[in-house]
C-alpha cells in the first residue's frame, strides 16, 4: 500500500454506502493512467443484510482464481469474464472490506500508487 493511501477515508466511504442500494459507488483506481485496472464497489441490501459487491476490471483473459486475489469466506463470484469479475462479498465490515480492496489494489498495481474516490457528495 502506498504510504500516503488514506485507508481510514476508504473505510468511511464504504460505511457511507449504507442504504444507497447501488445508487452510489466507491472506486479504487490506479494513480498512473497507463494502468487500466479499477475496482467499483456498491452496497447491496439483501435479505440477510447489507453486503458489498465489487466489479473488478483488470484486462487479460485469466480467470479470477488465477490472479492471486483472496476471496473472503461467504463470498460469491457472480460473473467471471477473464478480463473482469463481479463478486458479492460475504458479511464483511467496511474496515475488513477496505483492507481487502487495498490488498487487491496492491496486487493489481504491482505496488504502484492507487487512490479511491466516490460518487457520494
PDB file of N, CA and C in Angstrom:
ATOM      1  N   UNK A   1       0.850  -1.176   0.000  1.00  0.00           N
ATOM      2  CA  UNK A   1       0.000   0.000   0.000  1.00  0.00           C
ATOM      3  C   UNK A   1       0.891   1.232   0.000  1.00  0.00           C
ATOM      4  N   UNK A   2       0.505   2.197  -0.772  1.00  0.00           N
ATOM      5  CA  UNK A   2       1.261   3.444  -0.824  1.00  0.00           C
ATOM      6  C   UNK A   2       1.238   4.111   0.548  1.00  0.00           C
ATOM      7  N   UNK A   3       2.349   4.686   0.939  1.00  0.00           N
ATOM      8  CA  UNK A   3       2.471   5.283   2.264  1.00  0.00           C
ATOM      9  C   UNK A   3       1.429   6.374   2.492  1.00  0.00           C
ATOM     10  N   UNK A   4       1.014   7.071   1.450  1.00  0.00           N
ATOM     11  CA  UNK A   4       0.069   8.169   1.619  1.00  0.00           C
ATOM     12  C   UNK A   4      -1.380   7.753   1.344  1.00  0.00           C
ATOM     13  N   UNK A   5      -1.648   6.442   1.190  1.00  0.00           N
ATOM     14  CA  UNK A   5      -3.013   5.995   0.919  1.00  0.00           C
ATOM     15  C   UNK A   5      -3.865   6.167   2.169  1.00  0.00           C
ATOM     16  N   UNK A   6      -5.064   6.685   1.999  1.00  0.00           N
ATOM     17  CA  UNK A   6      -5.973   7.002   3.108  1.00  0.00           C
ATOM     18  C   UNK A   6      -6.921   5.834   3.358  1.00  0.00           C
ATOM     19  N   UNK A   7      -6.445   4.825   4.102  1.00  0.00           N
ATOM     20  CA  UNK A   7      -7.256   3.652   4.409  1.00  0.00           C
ATOM     21  C   UNK A   7      -8.486   4.032   5.228  1.00  0.00           C
ATOM     22  N   UNK A   8      -8.318   4.922   6.191  1.00  0.00           N
ATOM     23  CA  UNK A   8      -9.454   5.363   7.004  1.00  0.00           C
ATOM     24  C   UNK A   8     -10.512   6.053   6.171  1.00  0.00           C
ATOM     25  N   UNK A   9     -10.082   6.842   5.202  1.00  0.00           N
ATOM     26  CA  UNK A   9     -11.030   7.516   4.312  1.00  0.00           C
ATOM     27  C   UNK A   9     -11.797   6.525   3.460  1.00  0.00           C
ATOM     28  N   UNK A  10     -11.114   5.490   2.968  1.00  0.00           N
ATOM     29  CA  UNK A  10     -11.786   4.457   2.188  1.00  0.00           C
ATOM     30  C   UNK A  10     -12.817   3.731   3.052  1.00  0.00           C
ATOM     31  N   UNK A  11     -12.440   3.412   4.279  1.00  0.00           N
ATOM     32  CA  UNK A  11     -13.370   2.738   5.189  1.00  0.00           C
ATOM     33  C   UNK A  11     -14.604   3.602   5.426  1.00  0.00           C
ATOM     34  N   UNK A  12     -14.408   4.885   5.685  1.00  0.00           N
ATOM     35  CA  UNK A  12     -15.552   5.790   5.896  1.00  0.00           C
ATOM     36  C   UNK A  12     -16.416   5.900   4.643  1.00  0.00           C
ATOM     37  N   UNK A  13     -15.799   5.912   3.471  1.00  0.00           N
ATOM     38  CA  UNK A  13     -16.564   5.969   2.220  1.00  0.00           C
ATOM     39  C   UNK A  13     -17.418   4.709   2.059  1.00  0.00           C
ATOM     40  N   UNK A  14     -16.852   3.551   2.385  1.00  0.00           N
ATOM     41  CA  UNK A  14     -17.628   2.308   2.309  1.00  0.00           C
ATOM     42  C   UNK A  14     -18.773   2.324   3.317  1.00  0.00           C
ATOM     43  N   UNK A  15     -18.519   2.836   4.513  1.00  0.00           N
ATOM     44  CA  UNK A  15     -19.592   2.952   5.514  1.00  0.00           C
ATOM     45  C   UNK A  15     -20.708   3.862   5.006  1.00  0.00           C
ATOM     46  N   UNK A  16     -20.352   4.883   4.251  1.00  0.00           N
ATOM     47  CA  UNK A  16     -21.328   5.841   3.728  1.00  0.00           C
ATOM     48  C   UNK A  16     -22.225   5.241   2.644  1.00  0.00           C
ATOM     49  N   UNK A  17     -21.856   4.095   2.112  1.00  0.00           N
ATOM     50  CA  UNK A  17     -22.701   3.436   1.120  1.00  0.00           C
ATOM     51  C   UNK A  17     -23.959   2.834   1.737  1.00  0.00           C
ATOM     52  N   UNK A  18     -23.989   2.750   3.056  1.00  0.00           N
ATOM     53  CA  UNK A  18     -25.117   2.127   3.748  1.00  0.00           C
ATOM     54  C   UNK A  18     -26.454   2.715   3.312  1.00  0.00           C
ATOM     55  N   UNK A  19     -27.337   1.848   2.844  1.00  0.00           N
ATOM     56  CA  UNK A  19     -28.671   2.257   2.440  1.00  0.00           C
ATOM     57  C   UNK A  19     -28.781   2.849   1.052  1.00  0.00           C
ATOM     58  N   UNK A  20     -27.691   2.931   0.307  1.00  0.00           N
ATOM     59  CA  UNK A  20     -27.752   3.575  -1.013  1.00  0.00           C
ATOM     60  C   UNK A  20     -28.198   2.627  -2.127  1.00  0.00           C
ATOM     61  N   UNK A  21     -28.205   1.319  -1.861  1.00  0.00           N
ATOM     62  CA  UNK A  21     -28.721   0.343  -2.829  1.00  0.00           C
ATOM     63  C   UNK A  21     -28.196   0.546  -4.246  1.00  0.00           C
ATOM     64  N   UNK A  22     -26.940   0.576  -4.447  1.00  0.00           N
ATOM     65  CA  UNK A  22     -26.246   0.708  -5.738  1.00  0.00           C
ATOM     66  C   UNK A  22     -26.385   2.092  -6.373  1.00  0.00           C
ATOM     67  N   UNK A  23     -27.074   3.026  -5.709  1.00  0.00           N
ATOM     68  CA  UNK A  23     -27.178   4.386  -6.251  1.00  0.00           C
ATOM     69  C   UNK A  23     -25.850   5.133  -6.163  1.00  0.00           C
ATOM     70  N   UNK A  24     -25.013   4.739  -5.218  1.00  0.00           N
ATOM     71  CA  UNK A  24     -23.707   5.382  -5.024  1.00  0.00           C
ATOM     72  C   UNK A  24     -22.621   4.325  -5.128  1.00  0.00           C
ATOM     73  N   UNK A  25     -21.414   4.747  -5.476  1.00  0.00           N
ATOM     74  CA  UNK A  25     -20.290   3.823  -5.642  1.00  0.00           C
ATOM     75  C   UNK A  25     -19.027   4.398  -5.029  1.00  0.00           C
ATOM     76  N   UNK A  26     -18.123   3.500  -4.697  1.00  0.00           N
ATOM     77  CA  UNK A  26     -16.765   3.855  -4.303  1.00  0.00           C
ATOM     78  C   UNK A  26     -15.847   3.187  -5.320  1.00  0.00           C
ATOM     79  N   UNK A  27     -14.833   3.919  -5.776  1.00  0.00           N
ATOM     80  CA  UNK A  27     -13.900   3.421  -6.781  1.00  0.00           C
ATOM     81  C   UNK A  27     -12.492   3.375  -6.198  1.00  0.00           C
ATOM     82  N   UNK A  28     -11.756   2.325  -6.515  1.00  0.00           N
ATOM     83  CA  UNK A  28     -10.323   2.256  -6.228  1.00  0.00           C
ATOM     84  C   UNK A  28      -9.660   2.134  -7.596  1.00  0.00           C
ATOM     85  N   UNK A  29      -8.771   3.083  -7.897  1.00  0.00           N
ATOM     86  CA  UNK A  29      -8.176   3.175  -9.230  1.00  0.00           C
ATOM     87  C   UNK A  29      -6.673   3.440  -9.129  1.00  0.00           C
ATOM     88  N   UNK A  30      -5.945   3.114 -10.190  1.00  0.00           N
ATOM     89  CA  UNK A  30      -4.508   3.405 -10.180  1.00  0.00           C
ATOM     90  C   UNK A  30      -4.262   4.903 -10.282  1.00  0.00           C
ATOM     91  N   UNK A  31      -3.206   5.349  -9.647  1.00  0.00           N
ATOM     92  CA  UNK A  31      -2.807   6.752  -9.785  1.00  0.00           C
ATOM     93  C   UNK A  31      -2.187   7.007 -11.153  1.00  0.00           C
ATOM     94  N   UNK A  32      -1.579   5.991 -11.732  1.00  0.00           N
ATOM     95  CA  UNK A  32      -0.934   6.089 -13.036  1.00  0.00           C
ATOM     96  C   UNK A  32      -1.957   5.766 -14.128  1.00  0.00           C
ATOM     97  N   UNK A  33      -2.300   6.722 -14.974  1.00  0.00           N
ATOM     98  CA  UNK A  33      -3.313   6.475 -16.001  1.00  0.00           C
ATOM     99  C   UNK A  33      -2.922   5.415 -17.036  1.00  0.00           C
ATOM    100  N   UNK A  34      -1.655   5.012 -17.065  1.00  0.00           N
ATOM    101  CA  UNK A  34      -1.262   3.966 -18.010  1.00  0.00           C
ATOM    102  C   UNK A  34      -1.706   2.577 -17.523  1.00  0.00           C
ATOM    103  N   UNK A  35      -2.045   2.469 -16.241  1.00  0.00           N
ATOM    104  CA  UNK A  35      -2.596   1.216 -15.723  1.00  0.00           C
ATOM    105  C   UNK A  35      -4.112   1.248 -15.924  1.00  0.00           C
ATOM    106  N   UNK A  36      -4.684   0.127 -16.340  1.00  0.00           N
ATOM    107  CA  UNK A  36      -6.091   0.156 -16.726  1.00  0.00           C
ATOM    108  C   UNK A  36      -7.040  -0.602 -15.802  1.00  0.00           C
ATOM    109  N   UNK A  37      -6.598  -1.053 -14.656  1.00  0.00           N
ATOM    110  CA  UNK A  37      -7.484  -1.766 -13.751  1.00  0.00           C
ATOM    111  C   UNK A  37      -8.334  -0.779 -12.932  1.00  0.00           C
ATOM    112  N   UNK A  38      -9.447  -1.246 -12.390  1.00  0.00           N
ATOM    113  CA  UNK A  38     -10.227  -0.466 -11.423  1.00  0.00           C
ATOM    114  C   UNK A  38     -11.157  -1.387 -10.661  1.00  0.00           C
ATOM    115  N   UNK A  39     -11.528  -0.950  -9.464  1.00  0.00           N
ATOM    116  CA  UNK A  39     -12.472  -1.655  -8.602  1.00  0.00           C
ATOM    117  C   UNK A  39     -13.641  -0.719  -8.332  1.00  0.00           C
ATOM    118  N   UNK A  40     -14.860  -1.164  -8.600  1.00  0.00           N
ATOM    119  CA  UNK A  40     -16.077  -0.379  -8.355  1.00  0.00           C
ATOM    120  C   UNK A  40     -16.880  -1.107  -7.282  1.00  0.00           C
ATOM    121  N   UNK A  41     -17.231  -0.416  -6.210  1.00  0.00           N
ATOM    122  CA  UNK A  41     -17.892  -1.047  -5.070  1.00  0.00           C
ATOM    123  C   UNK A  41     -19.251  -0.410  -4.832  1.00  0.00           C
ATOM    124  N   UNK A  42     -20.256  -1.251  -4.593  1.00  0.00           N
ATOM    125  CA  UNK A  42     -21.598  -0.802  -4.214  1.00  0.00           C
ATOM    126  C   UNK A  42     -22.034  -1.610  -3.001  1.00  0.00           C
ATOM    127  N   UNK A  43     -23.098  -1.161  -2.365  1.00  0.00           N
ATOM    128  CA  UNK A  43     -23.690  -1.941  -1.286  1.00  0.00           C
ATOM    129  C   UNK A  43     -25.015  -2.510  -1.763  1.00  0.00           C
ATOM    130  N   UNK A  44     -25.209  -3.786  -1.508  1.00  0.00           N
ATOM    131  CA  UNK A  44     -26.473  -4.456  -1.806  1.00  0.00           C
ATOM    132  C   UNK A  44     -27.151  -4.762  -0.479  1.00  0.00           C
ATOM    133  N   UNK A  45     -28.415  -4.456  -0.356  1.00  0.00           N
ATOM    134  CA  UNK A  45     -29.138  -4.815   0.867  1.00  0.00           C
ATOM    135  C   UNK A  45     -29.979  -6.033   0.539  1.00  0.00           C
ATOM    136  N   UNK A  46     -29.394  -7.193   0.802  1.00  0.00           N
ATOM    137  CA  UNK A  46     -30.056  -8.447   0.507  1.00  0.00           C
ATOM    138  C   UNK A  46     -30.799  -8.929   1.744  1.00  0.00           C
ATOM    139  N   UNK A  47     -31.570  -9.956   1.604  1.00  0.00           N
ATOM    140  CA  UNK A  47     -32.381 -10.468   2.702  1.00  0.00           C
ATOM    141  C   UNK A  47     -31.606 -10.771   3.963  1.00  0.00           C
ATOM    142  N   UNK A  48     -30.346 -11.166   3.831  1.00  0.00           N
ATOM    143  CA  UNK A  48     -29.544 -11.495   5.007  1.00  0.00           C
ATOM    144  C   UNK A  48     -28.707 -10.317   5.491  1.00  0.00           C
ATOM    145  N   UNK A  49     -29.003  -9.134   5.022  1.00  0.00           N
ATOM    146  CA  UNK A  49     -28.287  -7.936   5.460  1.00  0.00           C
ATOM    147  C   UNK A  49     -27.454  -7.352   4.356  1.00  0.00           C
ATOM    148  N   UNK A  50     -26.954  -6.140   4.562  1.00  0.00           N
ATOM    149  CA  UNK A  50     -26.174  -5.468   3.520  1.00  0.00           C
ATOM    150  C   UNK A  50     -24.836  -6.168   3.272  1.00  0.00           C
ATOM    151  N   UNK A  51     -24.453  -6.187   2.011  1.00  0.00           N
ATOM    152  CA  UNK A  51     -23.168  -6.765   1.606  1.00  0.00           C
ATOM    153  C   UNK A  51     -22.576  -5.886   0.522  1.00  0.00           C
ATOM    154  N   UNK A  52     -21.262  -5.905   0.413  1.00  0.00           N
ATOM    155  CA  UNK A  52     -20.579  -5.158  -0.631  1.00  0.00           C
ATOM    156  C   UNK A  52     -20.450  -6.027  -1.873  1.00  0.00           C
ATOM    157  N   UNK A  53     -20.667  -5.420  -3.024  1.00  0.00           N
ATOM    158  CA  UNK A  53     -20.430  -6.081  -4.313  1.00  0.00           C
ATOM    159  C   UNK A  53     -19.354  -5.290  -5.039  1.00  0.00           C
ATOM    160  N   UNK A  54     -18.456  -6.006  -5.693  1.00  0.00           N
ATOM    161  CA  UNK A  54     -17.316  -5.382  -6.362  1.00  0.00           C
ATOM    162  C   UNK A  54     -17.275  -5.833  -7.819  1.00  0.00           C
ATOM    163  N   UNK A  55     -17.154  -4.850  -8.702  1.00  0.00           N
ATOM    164  CA  UNK A  55     -16.857  -5.123 -10.105  1.00  0.00           C
ATOM    165  C   UNK A  55     -15.384  -4.765 -10.274  1.00  0.00           C
ATOM    166  N   UNK A  56     -14.582  -5.739 -10.659  1.00  0.00           N
ATOM    167  CA  UNK A  56     -13.147  -5.522 -10.860  1.00  0.00           C
ATOM    168  C   UNK A  56     -12.827  -5.717 -12.335  1.00  0.00           C
ATOM    169  N   UNK A  57     -12.207  -4.715 -12.930  1.00  0.00           N
ATOM    170  CA  UNK A  57     -11.764  -4.832 -14.318  1.00  0.00           C
ATOM    171  C   UNK A  57     -10.247  -4.746 -14.321  1.00  0.00           C
ATOM    172  N   UNK A  58      -9.605  -5.742 -14.965  1.00  0.00           N
ATOM    173  CA  UNK A  58      -8.151  -5.781 -14.930  1.00  0.00           C
ATOM    174  C   UNK A  58      -7.517  -6.256 -16.221  1.00  0.00           C
ATOM    175  N   UNK A  59      -8.279  -6.473 -17.258  1.00  0.00           N
ATOM    176  CA  UNK A  59      -7.722  -6.851 -18.558  1.00  0.00           C
ATOM    177  C   UNK A  59      -7.247  -8.287 -18.606  1.00  0.00           C
ATOM    178  N   UNK A  60      -6.828  -8.703 -19.777  1.00  0.00           N
ATOM    179  CA  UNK A  60      -6.360 -10.070 -19.966  1.00  0.00           C
ATOM    180  C   UNK A  60      -7.513 -11.049 -20.036  1.00  0.00           C
ATOM    181  N   UNK A  61      -7.178 -12.335 -19.994  1.00  0.00           N
ATOM    182  CA  UNK A  61      -8.232 -13.340 -20.068  1.00  0.00           C
ATOM    183  C   UNK A  61      -8.115 -14.405 -18.982  1.00  0.00           C
ATOM    184  N   UNK A  62      -7.252 -14.162 -18.002  1.00  0.00           N
ATOM    185  CA  UNK A  62      -7.087 -15.124 -16.910  1.00  0.00           C
ATOM    186  C   UNK A  62      -8.243 -14.996 -15.926  1.00  0.00           C
ATOM    187  N   UNK A  63      -8.868 -16.118 -15.551  1.00  0.00           N
ATOM    188  CA  UNK A  63      -9.975 -16.049 -14.599  1.00  0.00           C
ATOM    189  C   UNK A  63      -9.519 -15.536 -13.229  1.00  0.00           C
ATOM    190  N   UNK A  64     -10.470 -15.100 -12.434  1.00  0.00           N
ATOM    191  CA  UNK A  64     -10.210 -14.536 -11.112  1.00  0.00           C
ATOM    192  C   UNK A  64      -9.333 -15.452 -10.271  1.00  0.00           C
ATOM    193  N   UNK A  65      -9.656 -16.723 -10.245  1.00  0.00           N
ATOM    194  CA  UNK A  65      -8.940 -17.665  -9.372  1.00  0.00           C
ATOM    195  C   UNK A  65      -7.453 -17.758  -9.699  1.00  0.00           C
ATOM    196  N   UNK A  66      -7.045 -17.401 -10.906  1.00  0.00           N
ATOM    197  CA  UNK A  66      -5.643 -17.461 -11.284  1.00  0.00           C
ATOM    198  C   UNK A  66      -4.878 -16.177 -11.046  1.00  0.00           C
ATOM    199  N   UNK A  67      -5.514 -15.181 -10.443  1.00  0.00           N
ATOM    200  CA  UNK A  67      -4.881 -13.862 -10.287  1.00  0.00           C
ATOM    201  C   UNK A  67      -4.264 -13.624  -8.911  1.00  0.00           C
ATOM    202  N   UNK A  68      -4.423 -14.549  -7.998  1.00  0.00           N
ATOM    203  CA  UNK A  68      -3.809 -14.406  -6.682  1.00  0.00           C
ATOM    204  C   UNK A  68      -4.532 -13.452  -5.747  1.00  0.00           C
ATOM    205  N   UNK A  69      -5.772 -13.104  -6.076  1.00  0.00           N
ATOM    206  CA  UNK A  69      -6.568 -12.218  -5.225  1.00  0.00           C
ATOM    207  C   UNK A  69      -7.385 -13.068  -4.261  1.00  0.00           C
ATOM    208  N   UNK A  70      -7.328 -12.747  -2.983  1.00  0.00           N
ATOM    209  CA  UNK A  70      -8.044 -13.551  -1.995  1.00  0.00           C
ATOM    210  C   UNK A  70      -9.542 -13.276  -2.058  1.00  0.00           C
ATOM    211  N   UNK A  71     -10.302 -14.287  -1.696  1.00  0.00           N
ATOM    212  CA  UNK A  71     -11.756 -14.185  -1.683  1.00  0.00           C
ATOM    213  C   UNK A  71     -12.227 -14.510  -0.269  1.00  0.00           C
ATOM    214  N   UNK A  72     -12.897 -13.567   0.402  1.00  0.00           N
ATOM    215  CA  UNK A  72     -13.301 -13.819   1.781  1.00  0.00           C
ATOM    216  C   UNK A  72     -14.382 -14.896   1.874  1.00  0.00           C
ATOM    217  N   UNK A  73     -14.454 -15.590   3.010  1.00  0.00           N
ATOM    218  CA  UNK A  73     -15.476 -16.616   3.195  1.00  0.00           C
ATOM    219  C   UNK A  73     -16.885 -16.052   2.982  1.00  0.00           C
ATOM    220  N   UNK A  74     -17.743 -16.875   2.409  1.00  0.00           N
ATOM    221  CA  UNK A  74     -19.125 -16.468   2.182  1.00  0.00           C
ATOM    222  C   UNK A  74     -19.321 -15.614   0.946  1.00  0.00           C
ATOM    223  N   UNK A  75     -18.248 -15.342   0.209  1.00  0.00           N
ATOM    224  CA  UNK A  75     -18.339 -14.513  -0.999  1.00  0.00           C
ATOM    225  C   UNK A  75     -18.735 -15.370  -2.188  1.00  0.00           C
ATOM    226  N   UNK A  76     -19.326 -14.722  -3.187  1.00  0.00           N
ATOM    227  CA  UNK A  76     -19.752 -15.433  -4.387  1.00  0.00           C
ATOM    228  C   UNK A  76     -19.219 -14.713  -5.623  1.00  0.00           C
ATOM    229  N   UNK A  77     -18.686 -15.486  -6.557  1.00  0.00           N
ATOM    230  CA  UNK A  77     -18.317 -14.931  -7.854  1.00  0.00           C
ATOM    231  C   UNK A  77     -19.582 -14.957  -8.704  1.00  0.00           C
ATOM    232  N   UNK A  78     -20.102 -13.779  -9.003  1.00  0.00           N
ATOM    233  CA  UNK A  78     -21.350 -13.675  -9.755  1.00  0.00           C
ATOM    234  C   UNK A  78     -21.108 -13.811 -11.251  1.00  0.00           C
ATOM    235  N   UNK A  79     -19.982 -13.319 -11.737  1.00  0.00           N
ATOM    236  CA  UNK A  79     -19.621 -13.413 -13.146  1.00  0.00           C
ATOM    237  C   UNK A  79     -18.108 -13.279 -13.257  1.00  0.00           C
ATOM    238  N   UNK A  80     -17.498 -14.106 -14.084  1.00  0.00           N
ATOM    239  CA  UNK A  80     -16.053 -14.042 -14.306  1.00  0.00           C
ATOM    240  C   UNK A  80     -15.805 -14.140 -15.797  1.00  0.00           C
ATOM    241  N   UNK A  81     -15.432 -13.013 -16.386  1.00  0.00           N
ATOM    242  CA  UNK A  81     -15.228 -12.942 -17.834  1.00  0.00           C
ATOM    243  C   UNK A  81     -13.759 -12.980 -18.226  1.00  0.00           C
ATOM    244  N   UNK A  82     -12.884 -13.226 -17.279  1.00  0.00           N
ATOM    245  CA  UNK A  82     -11.446 -13.229 -17.571  1.00  0.00           C
ATOM    246  C   UNK A  82     -10.842 -11.846 -17.414  1.00  0.00           C
ATOM    247  N   UNK A  83     -11.333 -10.868 -18.164  1.00  0.00           N
ATOM    248  CA  UNK A  83     -10.809  -9.504 -18.051  1.00  0.00           C
ATOM    249  C   UNK A  83     -11.485  -8.724 -16.929  1.00  0.00           C
ATOM    250  N   UNK A  84     -12.577  -9.286 -16.389  1.00  0.00           N
ATOM    251  CA  UNK A  84     -13.295  -8.628 -15.295  1.00  0.00           C
ATOM    252  C   UNK A  84     -14.088  -9.663 -14.521  1.00  0.00           C
ATOM    253  N   UNK A  85     -14.462  -9.276 -13.316  1.00  0.00           N
ATOM    254  CA  UNK A  85     -15.217 -10.172 -12.445  1.00  0.00           C
ATOM    255  C   UNK A  85     -16.176  -9.343 -11.599  1.00  0.00           C
ATOM    256  N   UNK A  86     -17.314  -9.929 -11.266  1.00  0.00           N
ATOM    257  CA  UNK A  86     -18.246  -9.323 -10.316  1.00  0.00           C
ATOM    258  C   UNK A  86     -18.377 -10.280  -9.143  1.00  0.00           C
ATOM    259  N   UNK A  87     -18.137  -9.751  -7.945  1.00  0.00           N
ATOM    260  CA  UNK A  87     -18.127 -10.564  -6.729  1.00  0.00           C
ATOM    261  C   UNK A  87     -19.003  -9.900  -5.683  1.00  0.00           C
ATOM    262  N   UNK A  88     -19.798 -10.695  -4.997  1.00  0.00           N
ATOM    263  CA  UNK A  88     -20.529 -10.216  -3.826  1.00  0.00           C
ATOM    264  C   UNK A  88     -19.823 -10.795  -2.609  1.00  0.00           C
ATOM    265  N   UNK A  89     -19.314  -9.913  -1.761  1.00  0.00           N
ATOM    266  CA  UNK A  89     -18.614 -10.351  -0.556  1.00  0.00           C
ATOM    267  C   UNK A  89     -19.595 -10.977   0.425  1.00  0.00           C
ATOM    268  N   UNK A  90     -19.077 -11.865   1.255  1.00  0.00           N
ATOM    269  CA  UNK A  90     -19.836 -12.356   2.388  1.00  0.00           C
ATOM    270  C   UNK A  90     -19.979 -11.205   3.385  1.00  0.00           C
ATOM    271  N   UNK A  91     -20.406 -11.501   4.572  1.00  0.00           N
ATOM    272  CA  UNK A  91     -20.586 -10.450   5.571  1.00  0.00           C
ATOM    273  C   UNK A  91     -19.225  -9.904   5.992  1.00  0.00           C
ATOM    274  N   UNK A  92     -18.908  -8.693   5.536  1.00  0.00           N
ATOM    275  CA  UNK A  92     -17.656  -8.030   5.884  1.00  0.00           C
ATOM    276  C   UNK A  92     -17.968  -6.639   6.400  1.00  0.00           C
ATOM    277  N   UNK A  93     -17.265  -6.221   7.421  1.00  0.00           N
ATOM    278  CA  UNK A  93     -17.377  -4.833   7.873  1.00  0.00           C
ATOM    279  C   UNK A  93     -16.740  -3.935   6.820  1.00  0.00           C
ATOM    280  N   UNK A  94     -17.032  -2.660   6.898  1.00  0.00           N
ATOM    281  CA  UNK A  94     -16.405  -1.704   5.977  1.00  0.00           C
ATOM    282  C   UNK A  94     -14.888  -1.730   6.145  1.00  0.00           C
ATOM    283  N   UNK A  95     -14.416  -1.875   7.373  1.00  0.00           N
ATOM    284  CA  UNK A  95     -12.975  -1.918   7.619  1.00  0.00           C
ATOM    285  C   UNK A  95     -12.350  -3.148   6.962  1.00  0.00           C
ATOM    286  N   UNK A  96     -12.959  -4.317   7.133  1.00  0.00           N
ATOM    287  CA  UNK A  96     -12.427  -5.540   6.531  1.00  0.00           C
ATOM    288  C   UNK A  96     -12.482  -5.451   5.002  1.00  0.00           C
ATOM    289  N   UNK A  97     -13.571  -4.901   4.476  1.00  0.00           N
ATOM    290  CA  UNK A  97     -13.696  -4.752   3.019  1.00  0.00           C
ATOM    291  C   UNK A  97     -12.638  -3.803   2.479  1.00  0.00           C
ATOM    292  N   UNK A  98     -12.387  -2.695   3.183  1.00  0.00           N
ATOM    293  CA  UNK A  98     -11.387  -1.740   2.693  1.00  0.00           C
ATOM    294  C   UNK A  98      -9.995  -2.365   2.726  1.00  0.00           C
ATOM    295  N   UNK A  99      -9.685  -3.137   3.743  1.00  0.00           N
ATOM    296  CA  UNK A  99      -8.383  -3.801   3.803  1.00  0.00           C
ATOM    297  C   UNK A  99      -8.225  -4.806   2.666  1.00  0.00           C
ATOM    298  N   UNK A 100      -9.296  -5.536   2.344  1.00  0.00           N
ATOM    299  CA  UNK A 100      -9.249  -6.480   1.236  1.00  0.00           C
ATOM    300  C   UNK A 100      -9.084  -5.751  -0.098  1.00  0.00           C
ATOM    301  N   UNK A 101      -9.822  -4.667  -0.287  1.00  0.00           N
ATOM    302  CA  UNK A 101      -9.712  -3.892  -1.527  1.00  0.00           C
ATOM    303  C   UNK A 101      -8.306  -3.327  -1.706  1.00  0.00           C
ATOM    304  N   UNK A 102      -7.710  -2.880  -0.618  1.00  0.00           N
ATOM    305  CA  UNK A 102      -6.337  -2.352  -0.681  1.00  0.00           C
ATOM    306  C   UNK A 102      -5.354  -3.472  -1.039  1.00  0.00           C
ATOM    307  N   UNK A 103      -5.574  -4.668  -0.498  1.00  0.00           N
ATOM    308  CA  UNK A 103      -4.706  -5.802  -0.850  1.00  0.00           C
ATOM    309  C   UNK A 103      -4.849  -6.127  -2.335  1.00  0.00           C
ATOM    310  N   UNK A 104      -6.094  -6.133  -2.845  1.00  0.00           N
ATOM    311  CA  UNK A 104      -6.308  -6.382  -4.267  1.00  0.00           C
ATOM    312  C   UNK A 104      -5.626  -5.304  -5.100  1.00  0.00           C
ATOM    313  N   UNK A 105      -5.828  -4.037  -4.725  1.00  0.00           N
ATOM    314  CA  UNK A 105      -5.244  -2.923  -5.482  1.00  0.00           C
ATOM    315  C   UNK A 105      -3.723  -3.013  -5.493  1.00  0.00           C
ATOM    316  N   UNK A 106      -3.136  -3.415  -4.377  1.00  0.00           N
ATOM    317  CA  UNK A 106      -1.689  -3.572  -4.321  1.00  0.00           C
ATOM    318  C   UNK A 106      -1.179  -4.605  -5.311  1.00  0.00           C
ATOM    319  N   UNK A 107      -1.903  -5.707  -5.445  1.00  0.00           N
ATOM    320  CA  UNK A 107      -1.514  -6.738  -6.412  1.00  0.00           C
ATOM    321  C   UNK A 107      -1.753  -6.268  -7.846  1.00  0.00           C
ATOM    322  N   UNK A 108      -2.915  -5.660  -8.090  1.00  0.00           N
ATOM    323  CA  UNK A 108      -3.244  -5.217  -9.446  1.00  0.00           C
ATOM    324  C   UNK A 108      -2.318  -4.108  -9.933  1.00  0.00           C
ATOM    325  N   UNK A 109      -1.846  -3.277  -9.007  1.00  0.00           N
ATOM    326  CA  UNK A 109      -0.997  -2.143  -9.383  1.00  0.00           C
ATOM    327  C   UNK A 109       0.486  -2.498  -9.399  1.00  0.00           C
ATOM    328  N   UNK A 110       0.817  -3.730  -9.028  1.00  0.00           N
ATOM    329  CA  UNK A 110       2.227  -4.137  -8.911  1.00  0.00           C
ATOM    330  C   UNK A 110       2.992  -3.194  -7.988  1.00  0.00           C
ATOM    331  N   UNK A 111       2.330  -2.751  -6.929  1.00  0.00           N
ATOM    332  CA  UNK A 111       2.982  -1.896  -5.939  1.00  0.00           C
ATOM    333  C   UNK A 111       2.969  -0.412  -6.256  1.00  0.00           C
ATOM    334  N   UNK A 112       2.438  -0.031  -7.412  1.00  0.00           N
ATOM    335  CA  UNK A 112       2.358   1.395  -7.762  1.00  0.00           C
ATOM    336  C   UNK A 112       1.248   2.062  -6.952  1.00  0.00           C
ATOM    337  N   UNK A 113       1.299   3.373  -6.783  1.00  0.00           N
ATOM    338  CA  UNK A 113       0.276   4.072  -6.007  1.00  0.00           C
ATOM    339  C   UNK A 113      -1.122   3.942  -6.634  1.00  0.00           C
ATOM    340  N   UNK A 114      -2.111   3.987  -5.774  1.00  0.00           N
ATOM    341  CA  UNK A 114      -3.506   3.967  -6.207  1.00  0.00           C
ATOM    342  C   UNK A 114      -4.296   4.876  -5.278  1.00  0.00           C
ATOM    343  N   UNK A 115      -5.542   5.140  -5.633  1.00  0.00           N
ATOM    344  CA  UNK A 115      -6.356   6.085  -4.855  1.00  0.00           C
ATOM    345  C   UNK A 115      -7.801   5.605  -4.848  1.00  0.00           C
ATOM    346  N   UNK A 116      -8.622   6.262  -4.059  1.00  0.00           N
ATOM    347  CA  UNK A 116     -10.052   5.965  -4.057  1.00  0.00           C
ATOM    348  C   UNK A 116     -10.823   7.256  -4.297  1.00  0.00           C
ATOM    349  N   UNK A 117     -12.055   7.078  -4.775  1.00  0.00           N
ATOM    350  CA  UNK A 117     -12.972   8.209  -4.962  1.00  0.00           C
ATOM    351  C   UNK A 117     -14.380   7.659  -4.783  1.00  0.00           C
ATOM    352  N   UNK A 118     -15.350   8.546  -4.781  1.00  0.00           N
ATOM    353  CA  UNK A 118     -16.725   8.117  -4.563  1.00  0.00           C
ATOM    354  C   UNK A 118     -17.694   9.030  -5.315  1.00  0.00           C
ATOM    355  N   UNK A 119     -18.881   8.511  -5.551  1.00  0.00           N
ATOM    356  CA  UNK A 119     -19.944   9.329  -6.143  1.00  0.00           C
ATOM    357  C   UNK A 119     -20.704  10.078  -5.054  1.00  0.00           C
ATOM    358  N   UNK A 120     -20.446   9.755  -3.792  1.00  0.00           N
ATOM    359  CA  UNK A 120     -21.107  10.437  -2.664  1.00  0.00           C
ATOM    360  C   UNK A 120     -20.629  11.872  -2.573  1.00  0.00           C
ATOM    361  N   UNK A 121     -21.518  12.763  -2.203  1.00  0.00           N
ATOM    362  CA  UNK A 121     -21.117  14.166  -2.050  1.00  0.00           C
ATOM    363  C   UNK A 121     -21.008  14.564  -0.618  1.00  0.00           C
TER     364      UNK A 121
END
